Amino acid sequence: MADPDAPVSSTTTPLIGSKTHAGSLPILQRLRYLVTLHLVKLLFDLVLGLLSIPGIRDRSIQPTFKKRYSCHRSLTNRIYTPRSYKPSGSPLPVYIHMHGGGFSWTNPVADDGFCSNFSNNNNILVVSLDYPKSPSYRFPTAVQALTDLVNAVLDDDSLPIDKSKVAIGGFSAGGNLACAVSQNKTLQGRIGGLVAFYPPANFLPTTTDELRENPKGAGVTLPQDQLSMFGWGYVKAGQDLRDPILSPVFAPRESLPPKICIFGCELDLLCRQAEIMAEKMANCGPGQRVGSDLAWERNGVKWEKIPGEDHGTDSLETVNELANSGAQLLISGLHLEPLK
């Protein structure tokens, strides 16, 4: 992953594209990626569809209700109201969530457990959004759809939302999409915080030297070929890879929410690029860095690296720790403090 502040070297090994623009892959490789993306998507859709059948899954993690908005009627969104909430009570802070899956796989059902627990444990309204999947819908289709949906949610008077306390975030591809959506002009000043869990932050090619710098055992959960497949499915040939909506490491600091939290996993091939994004955003301001190499804060930006874990983490306990850490940040001021 190339340095966002340095010229791109001509000696890079393409991860997704070539130099600063996405290139075209050999036809057999494209065919393999296309078949794999569609077949695995069908499998995920089948499994998650079965999990949605009443009685199959623990009812305690099911959403309070589901909703479709007129701007994208084909997309079903899941809304989680904390069990402690009473209709006569005060409006709730809202966290708008976007699921992962390489821009291609799964749907909001996959994150029911996280979203319901996050809502109930922290007295927060959680809205988990769906979006069009690649390769049928490539960049920026998902970003545009999610931008429409976030605006629809924030304008939805039927939801008990405290509009001064809004955060957005997601896992993996969802974290990238949250970074993209929050830059939209229609949402400037409406979102107080951004939480990105192990997001892809830079679609520029990864250099051979950078690949060698990865720690031993990195890339088992999400290997480089799978990254290339997801990238091909999401990004059209010829796309400028420095577009900040695609690669948020290039985003101007002022286009992102005032509070940012980014989590990375040490053994994830995406970890270093997410860390570089956090460092770049944190350098915008006079504040001093507080914390350690693994976890620090500066100028409204927090970075935390989970040692010994790969992309998505392979430990339920670690996932819960990430969720709890994110919740603590939200509650302590990431988005619960009214915007000024």
C-alpha atoms as a PDB file:
ATOM      1  CA  MET A   1       0.000   0.000   0.000  1.00  0.00           C
ATOM      2  CA  ALA A   2       1.697   3.140  -1.202  1.00  0.00           C
ATOM      3  CA  ASP A   3       2.365   6.121   1.019  1.00  0.00           C
ATOM      4  CA  PRO A   4      -0.496   8.587   0.453  1.00  0.00           C
ATOM      5  CA  ASP A   5       1.912  11.519   0.506  1.00  0.00           C
ATOM      6  CA  ALA A   6       4.518  10.032  -1.831  1.00  0.00           C
ATOM      7  CA  PRO A   7       4.579   9.546  -5.608  1.00  0.00           C
ATOM      8  CA  VAL A   8       3.611   6.074  -6.742  1.00  0.00           C
ATOM      9  CA  SER A   9       6.585   3.941  -7.758  1.00  0.00           C
ATOM     10  CA  SER A  10       6.589   2.229 -11.139  1.00  0.00           C
ATOM     11  CA  THR A  11       8.038  -0.884  -9.457  1.00  0.00           C
ATOM     12  CA  THR A  12       4.928  -1.668  -7.444  1.00  0.00           C
ATOM     13  CA  THR A  13       3.247  -5.055  -7.608  1.00  0.00           C
ATOM     14  CA  PRO A  14      -0.426  -4.441  -8.461  1.00  0.00           C
ATOM     15  CA  LEU A  15      -2.833  -5.475  -5.720  1.00  0.00           C
ATOM     16  CA  ILE A  16      -5.893  -4.030  -7.410  1.00  0.00           C
ATOM     17  CA  GLY A  17      -4.677  -1.833 -10.210  1.00  0.00           C
ATOM     18  CA  SER A  18      -1.569  -0.275 -11.714  1.00  0.00           C
ATOM     19  CA  LYS A  19       0.006   2.964 -10.522  1.00  0.00           C
ATOM     20  CA  THR A  20      -2.819   5.388  -9.712  1.00  0.00           C
ATOM     21  CA  HIS A  21      -5.599   3.894 -11.821  1.00  0.00           C
ATOM     22  CA  ALA A  22      -7.220   0.478 -11.735  1.00  0.00           C
ATOM     23  CA  GLY A  23      -6.051  -1.800 -14.519  1.00  0.00           C
ATOM     24  CA  SER A  24      -7.700  -4.656 -16.357  1.00  0.00           C
ATOM     25  CA  LEU A  25      -6.947  -8.266 -15.393  1.00  0.00           C
ATOM     26  CA  PRO A  26      -6.461 -11.269 -17.724  1.00  0.00           C
ATOM     27  CA  ILE A  27      -9.759 -12.747 -18.878  1.00  0.00           C
ATOM     28  CA  LEU A  28      -9.322 -16.096 -17.094  1.00  0.00           C
ATOM     29  CA  GLN A  29      -8.559 -14.347 -13.813  1.00  0.00           C
ATOM     30  CA  ARG A  30     -11.600 -12.126 -14.257  1.00  0.00           C
ATOM     31  CA  LEU A  31     -13.763 -15.171 -14.967  1.00  0.00           C
ATOM     32  CA  ARG A  32     -12.479 -16.935 -11.841  1.00  0.00           C
ATOM     33  CA  TYR A  33     -13.169 -13.878  -9.708  1.00  0.00           C
ATOM     34  CA  LEU A  34     -16.630 -13.389 -11.221  1.00  0.00           C
ATOM     35  CA  VAL A  35     -17.714 -16.985 -10.621  1.00  0.00           C
ATOM     36  CA  THR A  36     -16.300 -17.033  -7.082  1.00  0.00           C
ATOM     37  CA  LEU A  37     -17.935 -13.763  -6.075  1.00  0.00           C
ATOM     38  CA  HIS A  38     -21.358 -14.816  -7.331  1.00  0.00           C
ATOM     39  CA  LEU A  39     -21.257 -18.384  -5.985  1.00  0.00           C
ATOM     40  CA  VAL A  40     -20.127 -17.362  -2.512  1.00  0.00           C
ATOM     41  CA  LYS A  41     -22.719 -14.581  -2.488  1.00  0.00           C
ATOM     42  CA  LEU A  42     -25.438 -17.131  -3.239  1.00  0.00           C
ATOM     43  CA  LEU A  43     -24.195 -19.295  -0.374  1.00  0.00           C
ATOM     44  CA  PHE A  44     -24.183 -16.384   2.073  1.00  0.00           C
ATOM     45  CA  ASP A  45     -27.650 -15.315   0.954  1.00  0.00           C
ATOM     46  CA  LEU A  46     -28.939 -18.850   1.528  1.00  0.00           C
ATOM     47  CA  VAL A  47     -27.423 -19.182   4.999  1.00  0.00           C
ATOM     48  CA  LEU A  48     -28.481 -15.717   6.149  1.00  0.00           C
ATOM     49  CA  GLY A  49     -31.940 -16.293   4.692  1.00  0.00           C
ATOM     50  CA  LEU A  50     -32.287 -19.453   6.782  1.00  0.00           C
ATOM     51  CA  LEU A  51     -31.130 -17.577   9.873  1.00  0.00           C
ATOM     52  CA  SER A  52     -33.925 -15.062   9.292  1.00  0.00           C
ATOM     53  CA  ILE A  53     -36.631 -17.727   9.598  1.00  0.00           C
ATOM     54  CA  PRO A  54     -38.546 -17.332  12.896  1.00  0.00           C
ATOM     55  CA  GLY A  55     -37.450 -19.871  15.488  1.00  0.00           C
ATOM     56  CA  ILE A  56     -34.093 -20.616  13.857  1.00  0.00           C
ATOM     57  CA  ARG A  57     -32.144 -17.892  15.612  1.00  0.00           C
ATOM     58  CA  ASP A  58     -32.040 -16.433  19.095  1.00  0.00           C
ATOM     59  CA  ARG A  59     -34.872 -13.885  19.223  1.00  0.00           C
ATOM     60  CA  SER A  60     -32.910 -11.673  21.610  1.00  0.00           C
ATOM     61  CA  ILE A  61     -30.590 -10.515  18.825  1.00  0.00           C
ATOM     62  CA  GLN A  62     -33.283  -9.881  16.226  1.00  0.00           C
ATOM     63  CA  PRO A  63     -33.946  -6.266  15.186  1.00  0.00           C
ATOM     64  CA  THR A  64     -36.864  -4.414  16.728  1.00  0.00           C
ATOM     65  CA  PHE A  65     -38.200  -3.961  13.209  1.00  0.00           C
ATOM     66  CA  LYS A  66     -37.122  -3.754   9.571  1.00  0.00           C
ATOM     67  CA  LYS A  67     -37.671  -0.859   7.234  1.00  0.00           C
ATOM     68  CA  ARG A  68     -37.319   0.091   3.582  1.00  0.00           C
ATOM     69  CA  TYR A  69     -37.044   3.670   2.368  1.00  0.00           C
ATOM     70  CA  SER A  70     -38.557   5.025  -0.830  1.00  0.00           C
ATOM     71  CA  CYS A  71     -35.143   6.057  -2.165  1.00  0.00           C
ATOM     72  CA  HIS A  72     -34.084   2.375  -2.347  1.00  0.00           C
ATOM     73  CA  ARG A  73     -37.065   0.085  -1.897  1.00  0.00           C
ATOM     74  CA  SER A  74     -35.089  -3.053  -2.749  1.00  0.00           C
ATOM     75  CA  LEU A  75     -32.868  -2.655   0.331  1.00  0.00           C
ATOM     76  CA  THR A  76     -34.097  -3.888   3.715  1.00  0.00           C
ATOM     77  CA  ASN A  77     -32.591  -2.155   6.732  1.00  0.00           C
ATOM     78  CA  ARG A  78     -32.633  -3.421  10.316  1.00  0.00           C
ATOM     79  CA  ILE A  79     -33.382  -1.166  13.276  1.00  0.00           C
ATOM     80  CA  TYR A  80     -32.534  -1.982  16.887  1.00  0.00           C
ATOM     81  CA  THR A  81     -34.169  -0.029  19.699  1.00  0.00           C
ATOM     82  CA  PRO A  82     -32.770  -0.705  23.184  1.00  0.00           C
ATOM     83  CA  ARG A  83     -35.093  -2.771  25.359  1.00  0.00           C
ATOM     84  CA  SER A  84     -34.969  -0.077  28.035  1.00  0.00           C
ATOM     85  CA  TYR A  85     -36.384   2.573  25.694  1.00  0.00           C
ATOM     86  CA  LYS A  86     -39.902   3.893  26.310  1.00  0.00           C
ATOM     87  CA  PRO A  87     -41.792   5.752  23.543  1.00  0.00           C
ATOM     88  CA  SER A  88     -42.396   8.603  25.968  1.00  0.00           C
ATOM     89  CA  GLY A  89     -38.666   8.900  26.667  1.00  0.00           C
ATOM     90  CA  SER A  90     -36.069  11.253  25.252  1.00  0.00           C
ATOM     91  CA  PRO A  91     -34.693  10.790  21.730  1.00  0.00           C
ATOM     92  CA  LEU A  92     -31.766   8.400  21.461  1.00  0.00           C
ATOM     93  CA  PRO A  93     -28.248   8.761  20.099  1.00  0.00           C
ATOM     94  CA  VAL A  94     -27.977   6.825  16.834  1.00  0.00           C
ATOM     95  CA  TYR A  95     -25.222   4.659  15.419  1.00  0.00           C
ATOM     96  CA  ILE A  96     -25.626   3.889  11.688  1.00  0.00           C
ATOM     97  CA  HIS A  97     -23.888   0.631  10.827  1.00  0.00           C
ATOM     98  CA  MET A  98     -22.631  -0.869   7.553  1.00  0.00           C
ATOM     99  CA  HIS A  99     -21.747  -4.552   7.325  1.00  0.00           C
ATOM    100  CA  GLY A 100     -18.608  -5.992   5.769  1.00  0.00           C
ATOM    101  CA  GLY A 101     -18.117  -8.677   3.146  1.00  0.00           C
ATOM    102  CA  GLY A 102     -15.664  -7.331   0.585  1.00  0.00           C
ATOM    103  CA  PHE A 103     -18.345  -5.069  -0.961  1.00  0.00           C
ATOM    104  CA  SER A 104     -19.778  -8.311  -2.411  1.00  0.00           C
ATOM    105  CA  TRP A 105     -21.043 -10.686   0.272  1.00  0.00           C
ATOM    106  CA  THR A 106     -23.439 -10.928   3.240  1.00  0.00           C
ATOM    107  CA  ASN A 107     -26.134  -8.496   4.372  1.00  0.00           C
ATOM    108  CA  PRO A 108     -27.195  -6.760   7.610  1.00  0.00           C
ATOM    109  CA  VAL A 109     -28.438 -10.055   9.112  1.00  0.00           C
ATOM    110  CA  ALA A 110     -24.790 -11.035   9.623  1.00  0.00           C
ATOM    111  CA  ASP A 111     -24.312  -8.299  12.227  1.00  0.00           C
ATOM    112  CA  ASP A 112     -27.516  -8.822  14.232  1.00  0.00           C
ATOM    113  CA  GLY A 113     -25.584  -9.946  17.301  1.00  0.00           C
ATOM    114  CA  PHE A 114     -23.253  -6.955  17.297  1.00  0.00           C
ATOM    115  CA  CYS A 115     -25.977  -4.410  16.565  1.00  0.00           C
ATOM    116  CA  SER A 116     -28.494  -5.698  19.105  1.00  0.00           C
ATOM    117  CA  ASN A 117     -25.910  -5.958  21.876  1.00  0.00           C
ATOM    118  CA  PHE A 118     -24.500  -2.548  21.023  1.00  0.00           C
ATOM    119  CA  SER A 119     -27.972  -1.040  21.221  1.00  0.00           C
ATOM    120  CA  ASN A 120     -29.077  -2.731  24.436  1.00  0.00           C
ATOM    121  CA  ASN A 121     -25.804  -2.410  26.323  1.00  0.00           C
ATOM    122  CA  ASN A 122     -25.404   1.295  25.595  1.00  0.00           C
ATOM    123  CA  ASN A 123     -28.956   2.632  25.206  1.00  0.00           C
ATOM    124  CA  ILE A 124     -28.311   3.623  21.595  1.00  0.00           C
ATOM    125  CA  LEU A 125     -30.553   3.337  18.548  1.00  0.00           C
ATOM    126  CA  VAL A 126     -28.719   1.270  15.936  1.00  0.00           C
ATOM    127  CA  VAL A 127     -29.670   1.289  12.256  1.00  0.00           C
ATOM    128  CA  SER A 128     -27.963  -1.359  10.117  1.00  0.00           C
ATOM    129  CA  LEU A 129     -28.104  -0.507   6.420  1.00  0.00           C
ATOM    130  CA  ASP A 130     -27.973  -2.723   3.349  1.00  0.00           C
ATOM    131  CA  TYR A 131     -26.365  -1.662   0.062  1.00  0.00           C
ATOM    132  CA  PRO A 132     -25.992  -2.852  -3.557  1.00  0.00           C
ATOM    133  CA  LYS A 133     -23.252  -5.473  -3.902  1.00  0.00           C
ATOM    134  CA  SER A 134     -20.417  -5.832  -6.364  1.00  0.00           C
ATOM    135  CA  PRO A 135     -19.622  -7.038  -8.956  1.00  0.00           C
ATOM    136  CA  SER A 136     -23.172  -6.368 -10.176  1.00  0.00           C
ATOM    137  CA  TYR A 137     -22.915  -2.832  -8.795  1.00  0.00           C
ATOM    138  CA  ARG A 138     -19.463  -1.299  -8.772  1.00  0.00           C
ATOM    139  CA  PHE A 139     -18.072   1.841  -7.147  1.00  0.00           C
ATOM    140  CA  PRO A 140     -19.585   4.338  -6.442  1.00  0.00           C
ATOM    141  CA  THR A 141     -23.080   2.732  -6.529  1.00  0.00           C
ATOM    142  CA  ALA A 142     -22.997   1.468  -2.928  1.00  0.00           C
ATOM    143  CA  VAL A 143     -21.686   4.812  -1.661  1.00  0.00           C
ATOM    144  CA  GLN A 144     -24.474   6.696  -3.412  1.00  0.00           C
ATOM    145  CA  ALA A 145     -27.159   4.331  -2.126  1.00  0.00           C
ATOM    146  CA  LEU A 146     -25.866   4.489   1.442  1.00  0.00           C
ATOM    147  CA  THR A 147     -25.664   8.273   1.315  1.00  0.00           C
ATOM    148  CA  ASP A 148     -29.325   8.366   0.312  1.00  0.00           C
ATOM    149  CA  LEU A 149     -30.228   5.948   3.101  1.00  0.00           C
ATOM    150  CA  VAL A 150     -28.296   7.801   5.807  1.00  0.00           C
ATOM    151  CA  ASN A 151     -30.064  11.021   4.860  1.00  0.00           C
ATOM    152  CA  ALA A 152     -33.391   9.157   4.870  1.00  0.00           C
ATOM    153  CA  VAL A 153     -32.699   7.783   8.353  1.00  0.00           C
ATOM    154  CA  LEU A 154     -31.730  11.172   9.749  1.00  0.00           C
ATOM    155  CA  ASP A 155     -34.838  12.741   8.184  1.00  0.00           C
ATOM    156  CA  ASP A 156     -37.129   9.974   9.453  1.00  0.00           C
ATOM    157  CA  ASP A 157     -39.325  11.563  12.121  1.00  0.00           C
ATOM    158  CA  SER A 158     -40.754   8.167  13.073  1.00  0.00           C
ATOM    159  CA  LEU A 159     -37.409   7.171  14.601  1.00  0.00           C
ATOM    160  CA  PRO A 160     -36.511   8.472  18.092  1.00  0.00           C
ATOM    161  CA  ILE A 161     -33.238  10.047  16.972  1.00  0.00           C
ATOM    162  CA  ASP A 162     -31.359  12.780  18.783  1.00  0.00           C
ATOM    163  CA  LYS A 163     -29.949  14.434  15.675  1.00  0.00           C
ATOM    164  CA  SER A 164     -27.181  16.117  17.653  1.00  0.00           C
ATOM    165  CA  LYS A 165     -25.761  12.695  18.569  1.00  0.00           C
ATOM    166  CA  VAL A 166     -25.035  10.774  15.388  1.00  0.00           C
ATOM    167  CA  ALA A 167     -22.249   8.323  14.553  1.00  0.00           C
ATOM    168  CA  ILE A 168     -21.547   6.130  11.549  1.00  0.00           C
ATOM    169  CA  GLY A 169     -19.321   3.095  11.120  1.00  0.00           C
ATOM    170  CA  GLY A 170     -18.846  -0.440   9.955  1.00  0.00           C
ATOM    171  CA  PHE A 171     -16.733  -3.557   9.686  1.00  0.00           C
ATOM    172  CA  SER A 172     -14.137  -4.011   6.933  1.00  0.00           C
ATOM    173  CA  ALA A 173     -15.743  -2.905   3.628  1.00  0.00           C
ATOM    174  CA  GLY A 174     -18.472  -1.324   5.739  1.00  0.00           C
ATOM    175  CA  GLY A 175     -15.842   0.796   7.462  1.00  0.00           C
ATOM    176  CA  ASN A 176     -14.588   1.990   4.086  1.00  0.00           C
ATOM    177  CA  LEU A 177     -18.150   2.793   3.011  1.00  0.00           C
ATOM    178  CA  ALA A 178     -18.784   4.697   6.246  1.00  0.00           C
ATOM    179  CA  CYS A 179     -15.673   6.797   5.547  1.00  0.00           C
ATOM    180  CA  ALA A 180     -16.944   7.450   2.023  1.00  0.00           C
ATOM    181  CA  VAL A 181     -20.508   8.339   2.978  1.00  0.00           C
ATOM    182  CA  SER A 182     -19.483  10.691   5.771  1.00  0.00           C
ATOM    183  CA  GLN A 183     -17.593  12.847   3.233  1.00  0.00           C
ATOM    184  CA  ASN A 184     -20.735  13.655   1.251  1.00  0.00           C
ATOM    185  CA  LYS A 185     -21.705  17.332   1.256  1.00  0.00           C
ATOM    186  CA  THR A 186     -25.294  16.518   2.224  1.00  0.00           C
ATOM    187  CA  LEU A 187     -24.032  14.993   5.479  1.00  0.00           C
ATOM    188  CA  GLN A 188     -21.463  17.588   6.479  1.00  0.00           C
ATOM    189  CA  GLY A 189     -22.228  18.741  10.019  1.00  0.00           C
ATOM    190  CA  ARG A 190     -24.778  15.967  10.570  1.00  0.00           C
ATOM    191  CA  ILE A 191     -22.403  13.210  11.734  1.00  0.00           C
ATOM    192  CA  GLY A 192     -20.358  13.639  14.887  1.00  0.00           C
ATOM    193  CA  GLY A 193     -18.307  10.453  14.873  1.00  0.00           C
ATOM    194  CA  LEU A 194     -16.889   7.746  12.638  1.00  0.00           C
ATOM    195  CA  VAL A 195     -15.904   4.244  13.786  1.00  0.00           C
ATOM    196  CA  ALA A 196     -14.125   2.041  11.232  1.00  0.00           C
ATOM    197  CA  PHE A 197     -13.251  -1.532  12.194  1.00  0.00           C
ATOM    198  CA  TYR A 198     -10.276  -2.838  10.113  1.00  0.00           C
ATOM    199  CA  PRO A 199     -11.259  -0.913   6.940  1.00  0.00           C
ATOM    200  CA  PRO A 200      -9.510  -0.899   3.557  1.00  0.00           C
ATOM    201  CA  ALA A 201      -8.236   2.674   3.443  1.00  0.00           C
ATOM    202  CA  ASN A 202      -6.054   2.787   0.330  1.00  0.00           C
ATOM    203  CA  PHE A 203      -6.689   1.019  -2.983  1.00  0.00           C
ATOM    204  CA  LEU A 204      -3.302   1.935  -4.451  1.00  0.00           C
ATOM    205  CA  PRO A 205      -1.016  -1.014  -5.253  1.00  0.00           C
ATOM    206  CA  THR A 206       1.008  -2.539  -2.444  1.00  0.00           C
ATOM    207  CA  THR A 207       4.763  -2.512  -3.032  1.00  0.00           C
ATOM    208  CA  THR A 208       6.883  -5.642  -2.745  1.00  0.00           C
ATOM    209  CA  ASP A 209       8.830  -4.077   0.132  1.00  0.00           C
ATOM    210  CA  GLU A 210       5.605  -3.329   1.998  1.00  0.00           C
ATOM    211  CA  LEU A 211       4.462  -6.916   1.582  1.00  0.00           C
ATOM    212  CA  ARG A 212       7.740  -8.106   3.106  1.00  0.00           C
ATOM    213  CA  GLU A 213       7.189  -5.832   6.116  1.00  0.00           C
ATOM    214  CA  ASN A 214       4.007  -7.632   7.138  1.00  0.00           C
ATOM    215  CA  PRO A 215       4.451  -9.667  10.330  1.00  0.00           C
ATOM    216  CA  LYS A 216       4.894 -13.424  10.084  1.00  0.00           C
ATOM    217  CA  GLY A 217       1.542 -15.150   9.676  1.00  0.00           C
ATOM    218  CA  ALA A 218      -0.214 -12.102   8.213  1.00  0.00           C
ATOM    219  CA  GLY A 219      -2.893 -12.484   5.568  1.00  0.00           C
ATOM    220  CA  VAL A 220      -4.233 -15.930   6.466  1.00  0.00           C
ATOM    221  CA  THR A 221      -7.851 -14.842   6.943  1.00  0.00           C
ATOM    222  CA  LEU A 222      -7.820 -12.353   4.065  1.00  0.00           C
ATOM    223  CA  PRO A 223      -4.994 -13.277   1.648  1.00  0.00           C
ATOM    224  CA  GLN A 224      -3.749 -11.024  -1.096  1.00  0.00           C
ATOM    225  CA  ASP A 225      -5.528 -12.886  -3.898  1.00  0.00           C
ATOM    226  CA  GLN A 226      -8.844 -12.414  -2.107  1.00  0.00           C
ATOM    227  CA  LEU A 227      -8.098  -8.714  -1.694  1.00  0.00           C
ATOM    228  CA  SER A 228      -7.420  -8.542  -5.421  1.00  0.00           C
ATOM    229  CA  MET A 229     -10.703 -10.332  -6.137  1.00  0.00           C
ATOM    230  CA  PHE A 230     -12.726  -7.962  -3.967  1.00  0.00           C
ATOM    231  CA  GLY A 231     -10.943  -4.999  -5.515  1.00  0.00           C
ATOM    232  CA  TRP A 232     -11.636  -6.188  -9.059  1.00  0.00           C
ATOM    233  CA  GLY A 233     -15.289  -6.754  -8.205  1.00  0.00           C
ATOM    234  CA  TYR A 234     -15.715  -3.309  -6.667  1.00  0.00           C
ATOM    235  CA  VAL A 235     -13.500  -1.047  -8.787  1.00  0.00           C
ATOM    236  CA  LYS A 236     -13.903  -0.520 -12.525  1.00  0.00           C
ATOM    237  CA  ALA A 237     -10.840  -0.517 -14.768  1.00  0.00           C
ATOM    238  CA  GLY A 238      -9.614   3.044 -15.225  1.00  0.00           C
ATOM    239  CA  GLN A 239     -10.898   4.261 -11.856  1.00  0.00           C
ATOM    240  CA  ASP A 240      -8.628   6.794 -10.126  1.00  0.00           C
ATOM    241  CA  LEU A 241      -7.478   4.928  -7.017  1.00  0.00           C
ATOM    242  CA  ARG A 242      -6.635   8.195  -5.250  1.00  0.00           C
ATOM    243  CA  ASP A 243     -10.285   9.248  -5.173  1.00  0.00           C
ATOM    244  CA  PRO A 244     -10.866   9.948  -1.450  1.00  0.00           C
ATOM    245  CA  ILE A 245     -14.337   8.433  -1.670  1.00  0.00           C
ATOM    246  CA  LEU A 246     -12.686   5.142  -2.663  1.00  0.00           C
ATOM    247  CA  SER A 247      -9.444   5.480  -0.687  1.00  0.00           C
ATOM    248  CA  PRO A 248     -10.272   7.548   2.427  1.00  0.00           C
ATOM    249  CA  VAL A 249      -6.605   7.893   3.357  1.00  0.00           C
ATOM    250  CA  PHE A 250      -6.598  10.721   0.781  1.00  0.00           C
ATOM    251  CA  ALA A 251      -9.629  12.495   2.266  1.00  0.00           C
ATOM    252  CA  PRO A 252      -9.177  16.033   3.601  1.00  0.00           C
ATOM    253  CA  ARG A 253      -9.479  15.972   7.382  1.00  0.00           C
ATOM    254  CA  GLU A 254     -12.268  18.534   7.345  1.00  0.00           C
ATOM    255  CA  SER A 255     -14.458  16.319   5.139  1.00  0.00           C
ATOM    256  CA  LEU A 256     -14.637  13.608   7.814  1.00  0.00           C
ATOM    257  CA  PRO A 257     -16.503  13.749  11.151  1.00  0.00           C
ATOM    258  CA  PRO A 258     -14.822  15.600  14.027  1.00  0.00           C
ATOM    259  CA  LYS A 259     -14.275  12.382  15.990  1.00  0.00           C
ATOM    260  CA  ILE A 260     -12.688   9.349  14.330  1.00  0.00           C
ATOM    261  CA  CYS A 261     -11.855   5.933  15.727  1.00  0.00           C
ATOM    262  CA  ILE A 262     -10.090   3.293  13.626  1.00  0.00           C
ATOM    263  CA  PHE A 263      -9.367  -0.265  14.721  1.00  0.00           C
ATOM    264  CA  GLY A 264      -6.834  -2.526  13.027  1.00  0.00           C
ATOM    265  CA  CYS A 265      -5.697  -6.134  13.465  1.00  0.00           C
ATOM    266  CA  GLU A 266      -1.951  -6.778  13.564  1.00  0.00           C
ATOM    267  CA  LEU A 267      -2.004  -9.756  11.174  1.00  0.00           C
ATOM    268  CA  ASP A 268      -4.365  -8.117   8.678  1.00  0.00           C
ATOM    269  CA  LEU A 269      -2.853  -7.060   5.345  1.00  0.00           C
ATOM    270  CA  LEU A 270      -5.058  -3.949   5.594  1.00  0.00           C
ATOM    271  CA  CYS A 271      -3.760  -2.948   9.020  1.00  0.00           C
ATOM    272  CA  ARG A 272      -0.898  -0.670   8.021  1.00  0.00           C
ATOM    273  CA  GLN A 273      -2.948   1.363   5.541  1.00  0.00           C
ATOM    274  CA  ALA A 274      -5.632   1.939   8.180  1.00  0.00           C
ATOM    275  CA  GLU A 275      -2.934   3.004  10.640  1.00  0.00           C
ATOM    276  CA  ILE A 276      -1.474   5.435   8.092  1.00  0.00           C
ATOM    277  CA  MET A 277      -4.930   6.949   7.629  1.00  0.00           C
ATOM    278  CA  ALA A 278      -5.289   7.391  11.391  1.00  0.00           C
ATOM    279  CA  GLU A 279      -1.836   8.990  11.618  1.00  0.00           C
ATOM    280  CA  LYS A 280      -2.542  11.344   8.717  1.00  0.00           C
ATOM    281  CA  MET A 281      -5.842  12.519  10.198  1.00  0.00           C
ATOM    282  CA  ALA A 282      -4.347  12.833  13.687  1.00  0.00           C
ATOM    283  CA  ASN A 283      -1.547  15.068  12.377  1.00  0.00           C
ATOM    284  CA  CYS A 284      -4.098  17.757  11.478  1.00  0.00           C
ATOM    285  CA  GLY A 285      -3.867  19.894  14.577  1.00  0.00           C
ATOM    286  CA  PRO A 286      -1.547  20.947  17.397  1.00  0.00           C
ATOM    287  CA  GLY A 287      -2.560  18.317  19.953  1.00  0.00           C
ATOM    288  CA  GLN A 288      -0.074  15.926  21.511  1.00  0.00           C
ATOM    289  CA  ARG A 289      -0.340  12.191  21.008  1.00  0.00           C
ATOM    290  CA  VAL A 290      -1.384  10.307  24.132  1.00  0.00           C
ATOM    291  CA  GLY A 291      -1.130   6.550  24.588  1.00  0.00           C
ATOM    292  CA  SER A 292       1.083   3.722  23.347  1.00  0.00           C
ATOM    293  CA  ASP A 293       2.170   2.340  19.984  1.00  0.00           C
ATOM    294  CA  LEU A 294      -0.845   0.022  19.993  1.00  0.00           C
ATOM    295  CA  ALA A 295      -3.466   2.518  21.155  1.00  0.00           C
ATOM    296  CA  TRP A 296      -3.281   6.290  21.032  1.00  0.00           C
ATOM    297  CA  GLU A 297      -5.361   9.437  20.622  1.00  0.00           C
ATOM    298  CA  ARG A 298      -4.602  12.804  19.089  1.00  0.00           C
ATOM    299  CA  ASN A 299      -6.692  15.707  17.783  1.00  0.00           C
ATOM    300  CA  GLY A 300      -9.982  13.822  17.932  1.00  0.00           C
ATOM    301  CA  VAL A 301      -8.573  10.687  16.296  1.00  0.00           C
ATOM    302  CA  LYS A 302      -8.106   7.353  18.070  1.00  0.00           C
ATOM    303  CA  TRP A 303      -6.183   4.386  16.714  1.00  0.00           C
ATOM    304  CA  GLU A 304      -6.128   0.920  18.269  1.00  0.00           C
ATOM    305  CA  LYS A 305      -4.264  -2.128  16.956  1.00  0.00           C
ATOM    306  CA  ILE A 306      -5.314  -5.568  18.190  1.00  0.00           C
ATOM    307  CA  PRO A 307      -2.117  -7.652  18.557  1.00  0.00           C
ATOM    308  CA  GLY A 308      -2.038 -11.203  17.252  1.00  0.00           C
ATOM    309  CA  GLU A 309      -5.363 -10.963  15.390  1.00  0.00           C
ATOM    310  CA  ASP A 310      -6.100 -11.226  11.672  1.00  0.00           C
ATOM    311  CA  HIS A 311      -8.777  -9.501   9.613  1.00  0.00           C
ATOM    312  CA  GLY A 312     -12.143  -9.735  11.330  1.00  0.00           C
ATOM    313  CA  THR A 313     -10.397 -11.472  14.266  1.00  0.00           C
ATOM    314  CA  ASP A 314     -10.768 -15.188  14.901  1.00  0.00           C
ATOM    315  CA  SER A 315     -11.859 -14.756  18.502  1.00  0.00           C
ATOM    316  CA  LEU A 316     -15.394 -13.977  19.659  1.00  0.00           C
ATOM    317  CA  GLU A 317     -13.892 -12.574  22.853  1.00  0.00           C
ATOM    318  CA  THR A 318     -11.776 -10.146  20.828  1.00  0.00           C
ATOM    319  CA  VAL A 319     -14.792  -9.092  18.754  1.00  0.00           C
ATOM    320  CA  ASN A 320     -16.651  -8.323  21.977  1.00  0.00           C
ATOM    321  CA  GLU A 321     -13.663  -6.358  23.271  1.00  0.00           C
ATOM    322  CA  LEU A 322     -13.619  -4.309  20.062  1.00  0.00           C
ATOM    323  CA  ALA A 323     -17.336  -3.627  20.393  1.00  0.00           C
ATOM    324  CA  ASN A 324     -16.959  -2.624  24.026  1.00  0.00           C
ATOM    325  CA  SER A 325     -14.015  -0.366  23.218  1.00  0.00           C
ATOM    326  CA  GLY A 326     -15.981   1.271  20.416  1.00  0.00           C
ATOM    327  CA  ALA A 327     -18.966   1.726  22.698  1.00  0.00           C
ATOM    328  CA  GLN A 328     -16.844   3.345  25.386  1.00  0.00           C
ATOM    329  CA  LEU A 329     -15.478   5.803  22.847  1.00  0.00           C
ATOM    330  CA  LEU A 330     -18.936   6.639  21.576  1.00  0.00           C
ATOM    331  CA  ILE A 331     -20.302   7.154  25.056  1.00  0.00           C
ATOM    332  CA  SER A 332     -17.318   9.159  26.262  1.00  0.00           C
ATOM    333  CA  GLY A 333     -17.714  11.723  23.526  1.00  0.00           C
ATOM    334  CA  LEU A 334     -17.174  10.263  20.087  1.00  0.00           C
ATOM    335  CA  HIS A 335     -20.711  11.157  19.106  1.00  0.00           C
ATOM    336  CA  LEU A 336     -22.780  11.535  22.252  1.00  0.00           C
ATOM    337  CA  GLU A 337     -21.670  15.096  22.845  1.00  0.00           C
ATOM    338  CA  PRO A 338     -23.991  17.503  20.978  1.00  0.00           C
ATOM    339  CA  LEU A 339     -22.484  18.956  17.824  1.00  0.00           C
ATOM    340  CA  LYS A 340     -21.647  22.651  18.047  1.00  0.00           C
END
